[in-house]
């Protein structure tokens, strides 16, 4: 089995192996996590006396699952923070998108770990004699917890995918809004350019070359640009 912890958006796994005999359980784990298991078994005390090797194995598996649950809760909290940012109607920043990508990668790795863990727990439960109802109930509870973790991780992966899709949709909507405004201002600027371009041609126009003509065409430019501005403003294009 693998005990999984989250460190700075990255998963750190610890391999935990057990050799289970009638009266002895040998646990193989790294120094850090192995010390946690040793302290947990030491604190168990009377529960080990009553349940023996099977109970010790159950406690170790419980600790591994508790670690996975804690990691899942941390990932859910980080995912909720990203979702709250999207509720403001703005897409995620570049840094937050990188955070979301790292979270999704962590959740993907966690899904690869939870499925084999469920199979290991099921195999341990299948080896319990049918007559041992107490141990069977204990293993059944552990299996239920493992199933819930698997479901939560799957839901978390779907939620992060939705966050990515929502952020992308907001990005596209924002880009459409910017392009619409640029198009509106370009149309307003094009109208004066069109008028001055015609007046500047080497052909005779009304009032050309006179002070009156200057004011007439200036007024025409202002009126045209003003009308376009009002129309585009009412349509929320600018």
Protein backbone atom coordinates (compact mmCIF):
# COMPACT_ATOMS: atom_id res chain seq x y z
CA UNK A 1 0.00 0.00 0.00
CA UNK A 2 0.97 3.63 -0.43
CA UNK A 3 0.42 6.33 2.17
CA UNK A 4 0.05 9.64 0.34
CA UNK A 5 0.66 13.14 1.68
CA UNK A 6 0.52 16.54 0.01
CA UNK A 7 3.49 18.87 0.09
CA UNK A 8 3.27 22.15 -1.83
CA UNK A 9 0.75 20.82 -4.36
CA UNK A 10 2.84 17.70 -4.97
CA UNK A 11 2.11 14.19 -3.74
CA UNK A 12 4.67 12.38 -1.63
CA UNK A 13 3.99 8.66 -1.24
CA UNK A 14 5.36 6.25 1.32
CA UNK A 15 5.34 2.53 0.61
CA UNK A 16 3.88 0.48 3.48
CA UNK A 17 4.15 -3.32 3.39
CA UNK A 18 3.00 -5.88 5.92
CA UNK A 19 3.78 -9.51 6.68
CA UNK A 20 0.87 -10.93 8.67
CA UNK A 21 1.21 -14.15 10.69
CA UNK A 22 -1.02 -15.67 13.35
CA UNK A 23 0.53 -13.73 16.23
CA UNK A 24 2.93 -11.33 14.50
CA UNK A 25 2.64 -8.41 12.12
CA UNK A 26 5.81 -7.07 10.50
CA UNK A 27 5.43 -3.59 9.00
CA UNK A 28 7.92 -2.28 6.46
CA UNK A 29 7.90 1.49 5.90
CA UNK A 30 10.24 4.46 5.65
CA UNK A 31 11.70 6.08 8.74
CA UNK A 32 9.28 8.99 8.95
CA UNK A 33 6.05 7.14 8.33
CA UNK A 34 7.32 4.04 10.12
CA UNK A 35 7.71 6.06 13.31
CA UNK A 36 4.12 7.22 13.00
CA UNK A 37 2.96 3.63 12.67
CA UNK A 38 5.05 2.60 15.67
CA UNK A 39 3.58 5.37 17.84
CA UNK A 40 0.06 4.51 16.73
CA UNK A 41 0.52 0.81 17.57
CA UNK A 42 2.09 1.69 20.89
CA UNK A 43 -0.88 3.90 21.78
CA UNK A 44 -3.35 1.19 20.70
CA UNK A 45 -2.40 -0.94 23.73
CA UNK A 46 -5.43 -2.97 24.83
CA UNK A 47 -6.94 -3.08 21.34
CA UNK A 48 -3.93 -5.05 20.12
CA UNK A 49 -4.23 -7.41 23.09
CA UNK A 50 -7.84 -8.15 22.25
CA UNK A 51 -7.58 -8.39 18.48
CA UNK A 52 -4.07 -9.74 17.97
CA UNK A 53 -2.34 -9.63 14.60
CA UNK A 54 -5.51 -8.97 12.61
CA UNK A 55 -6.32 -5.94 14.71
CA UNK A 56 -2.79 -4.59 14.31
CA UNK A 57 -3.08 -4.97 10.52
CA UNK A 58 -6.43 -3.17 10.58
CA UNK A 59 -4.96 -0.28 12.54
CA UNK A 60 -2.09 0.07 10.08
CA UNK A 61 -4.47 0.05 7.10
CA UNK A 62 -6.70 2.55 8.92
CA UNK A 63 -3.73 4.89 9.38
CA UNK A 64 -2.85 4.66 5.69
CA UNK A 65 -6.45 5.42 4.73
CA UNK A 66 -6.59 8.30 7.24
CA UNK A 67 -3.51 9.77 5.59
CA UNK A 68 -5.15 9.48 2.18
CA UNK A 69 -8.35 11.08 3.50
CA UNK A 70 -6.37 13.98 4.95
CA UNK A 71 -4.61 14.46 1.60
CA UNK A 72 -7.94 14.35 -0.23
CA UNK A 73 -9.37 17.00 2.12
CA UNK A 74 -6.40 19.27 1.46
CA UNK A 75 -6.89 18.88 -2.28
CA UNK A 76 -10.61 19.61 -1.91
CA UNK A 77 -9.86 22.78 0.08
CA UNK A 78 -7.43 23.98 -2.59
CA UNK A 79 -9.98 23.15 -5.30
CA UNK A 80 -12.68 25.10 -3.43
CA UNK A 81 -10.38 28.15 -3.31
CA UNK A 82 -10.03 28.04 -7.09
CA UNK A 83 -13.80 27.67 -7.49
CA UNK A 84 -14.42 30.67 -5.22
CA UNK A 85 -12.18 32.80 -7.43
CA UNK A 86 -14.23 31.84 -10.46
CA UNK A 87 -17.46 32.91 -8.75
CA UNK A 88 -16.25 36.51 -9.17
CA UNK A 89 -16.72 36.13 -12.91
CA UNK A 90 -13.03 36.47 -13.74
CA UNK A 91 -10.80 33.78 -15.25
CA UNK A 92 -7.91 32.41 -13.23
CA UNK A 93 -4.58 34.18 -13.41
CA UNK A 94 -1.62 32.45 -15.00
CA UNK A 95 -0.20 31.50 -11.61
CA UNK A 96 -3.52 30.13 -10.40
CA UNK A 97 -3.89 28.14 -13.61
CA UNK A 98 -0.51 26.58 -12.90
CA UNK A 99 -1.72 25.78 -9.37
CA UNK A 100 -4.86 24.19 -10.80
CA UNK A 101 -2.78 22.12 -13.21
CA UNK A 102 -0.57 20.88 -10.38
CA UNK A 103 -3.65 20.02 -8.34
CA UNK A 104 -5.18 18.08 -11.20
CA UNK A 105 -1.92 16.19 -11.69
CA UNK A 106 -1.87 15.39 -7.96
CA UNK A 107 -5.46 14.16 -8.09
CA UNK A 108 -4.66 12.01 -11.12
CA UNK A 109 -1.74 10.43 -9.25
CA UNK A 110 -3.97 9.94 -6.22
CA UNK A 111 -6.54 8.08 -8.32
CA UNK A 112 -3.82 5.69 -9.48
CA UNK A 113 -3.02 4.97 -5.84
CA UNK A 114 -6.48 4.61 -4.32
CA UNK A 115 -7.64 1.88 -6.70
CA UNK A 116 -4.83 -0.59 -5.83
CA UNK A 117 -5.28 0.21 -2.13
CA UNK A 118 -8.92 -0.78 -2.38
CA UNK A 119 -7.92 -4.08 -3.98
CA UNK A 120 -5.38 -4.79 -1.21
CA UNK A 121 -7.94 -4.10 1.52
CA UNK A 122 -10.48 -6.31 -0.22
CA UNK A 123 -7.95 -9.13 -0.44
CA UNK A 124 -7.17 -8.83 3.27
CA UNK A 125 -10.88 -8.93 4.07
CA UNK A 126 -11.41 -12.00 1.89
CA UNK A 127 -8.82 -13.91 3.92
CA UNK A 128 -10.78 -13.47 7.17
CA UNK A 129 -12.59 -16.69 8.17
CA UNK A 130 -16.37 -16.46 7.91
CA UNK A 131 -16.68 -17.51 11.55
CA UNK A 132 -14.70 -14.46 12.74
CA UNK A 133 -17.57 -11.97 12.59
CA UNK A 134 -15.83 -9.23 14.60
CA UNK A 135 -12.80 -9.01 12.31
CA UNK A 136 -15.06 -9.29 9.28
CA UNK A 137 -17.06 -6.26 10.45
CA UNK A 138 -13.86 -4.31 11.07
CA UNK A 139 -12.60 -5.04 7.57
CA UNK A 140 -16.01 -4.20 6.11
CA UNK A 141 -15.84 -0.75 7.71
CA UNK A 142 -12.35 -0.23 6.31
CA UNK A 143 -13.55 -1.26 2.85
CA UNK A 144 -16.40 1.24 3.09
CA UNK A 145 -13.96 4.02 3.98
CA UNK A 146 -11.74 3.04 1.08
CA UNK A 147 -14.72 3.14 -1.29
CA UNK A 148 -15.69 6.60 -0.05
CA UNK A 149 -12.16 7.87 -0.60
CA UNK A 150 -12.20 6.50 -4.15
CA UNK A 151 -15.52 8.21 -4.86
CA UNK A 152 -14.32 11.50 -3.37
CA UNK A 153 -11.13 11.46 -5.42
CA UNK A 154 -13.12 10.80 -8.60
CA UNK A 155 -15.50 13.65 -7.78
CA UNK A 156 -12.53 15.91 -7.05
CA UNK A 157 -11.00 15.11 -10.43
CA UNK A 158 -14.29 15.96 -12.15
CA UNK A 159 -14.51 19.20 -10.16
CA UNK A 160 -11.03 20.31 -11.21
CA UNK A 161 -11.89 19.54 -14.82
CA UNK A 162 -14.98 21.75 -14.47
CA UNK A 163 -12.81 24.52 -13.02
CA UNK A 164 -10.50 24.35 -16.04
CA UNK A 165 -13.44 24.40 -18.45
CA UNK A 166 -15.09 27.31 -16.63
CA UNK A 167 -11.89 29.33 -16.57
CA UNK A 168 -11.39 28.68 -20.29
CA UNK A 169 -14.97 29.80 -21.00
CA UNK A 170 -14.41 33.00 -19.01
CA UNK A 171 -11.19 33.61 -20.94
CA UNK A 172 -13.04 33.24 -24.23
CA UNK A 173 -15.87 35.50 -23.07
CA UNK A 174 -13.39 38.14 -21.95
CA UNK A 175 -11.55 37.93 -25.27
CA UNK A 176 -14.85 38.30 -27.16
CA UNK A 177 -15.67 41.38 -25.08
CA UNK A 178 -12.28 42.94 -25.82
CA UNK A 179 -12.57 42.20 -29.54
CA UNK A 180 -16.07 43.69 -29.62
CA UNK A 181 -14.84 46.92 -28.03
CA UNK A 182 -11.83 47.12 -30.34
CA UNK A 183 -14.12 46.63 -33.33
CA UNK A 184 -16.45 49.41 -32.11
CA UNK A 185 -13.63 51.91 -31.60
CA UNK A 186 -12.11 50.93 -34.95
CA UNK A 187 -15.44 51.75 -36.65
CA UNK A 188 -15.60 55.12 -34.89
CA UNK A 189 -12.05 55.95 -35.97
CA UNK A 190 -12.71 54.71 -39.53
CA UNK A 191 -15.51 57.23 -40.12
CA UNK A 192 -13.33 60.39 -39.75
CA UNK A 193 -10.58 58.66 -41.72
CA UNK A 194 -13.02 57.96 -44.56
CA UNK A 195 -14.28 61.55 -44.66
CA UNK A 196 -10.82 63.15 -44.60
CA UNK A 197 -9.64 60.67 -47.20
CA UNK A 198 -12.36 61.70 -49.63
CA UNK A 199 -11.91 65.41 -48.97
CA UNK A 200 -8.14 65.11 -49.45
CA UNK A 201 -8.49 63.63 -52.95
CA UNK A 202 -7.44 65.69 -55.96
CA UNK A 203 -11.02 66.46 -56.97
CA UNK A 204 -13.30 69.38 -56.18
CA UNK A 205 -15.54 69.07 -53.11
CA UNK A 206 -17.97 71.59 -51.67
CA UNK A 207 -16.24 74.33 -49.70
CA UNK A 208 -12.86 72.80 -50.45
CA UNK A 209 -9.93 75.08 -49.66
CA UNK A 210 -12.05 77.48 -47.58
CA UNK A 211 -12.32 78.11 -43.85
CA UNK A 212 -16.04 77.31 -44.01
CA UNK A 213 -15.25 73.94 -45.57
CA UNK A 214 -12.89 73.14 -42.71
CA UNK A 215 -15.63 73.72 -40.13
CA UNK A 216 -18.25 71.90 -42.22
CA UNK A 217 -16.18 68.76 -42.58
CA UNK A 218 -15.01 68.98 -38.95
CA UNK A 219 -18.64 69.09 -37.84
CA UNK A 220 -19.45 66.15 -40.14
CA UNK A 221 -16.63 64.13 -38.56
CA UNK A 222 -17.78 64.95 -35.02
CA UNK A 223 -21.43 64.16 -35.80
CA UNK A 224 -20.59 60.86 -37.53
CA UNK A 225 -18.27 59.74 -34.73
CA UNK A 226 -20.81 60.86 -32.10
CA UNK A 227 -23.67 58.93 -33.73
CA UNK A 228 -21.55 55.79 -34.00
CA UNK A 229 -20.46 56.18 -30.38
CA UNK A 230 -24.06 56.47 -29.16
CA UNK A 231 -25.21 53.49 -31.23
CA UNK A 232 -22.34 51.26 -30.10
CA UNK A 233 -22.73 52.42 -26.50
CA UNK A 234 -26.41 51.43 -26.45
CA UNK A 235 -25.53 48.03 -27.87
CA UNK A 236 -22.77 47.66 -25.21
CA UNK A 237 -20.12 47.32 -27.86
CA UNK A 238 -17.89 49.88 -26.18
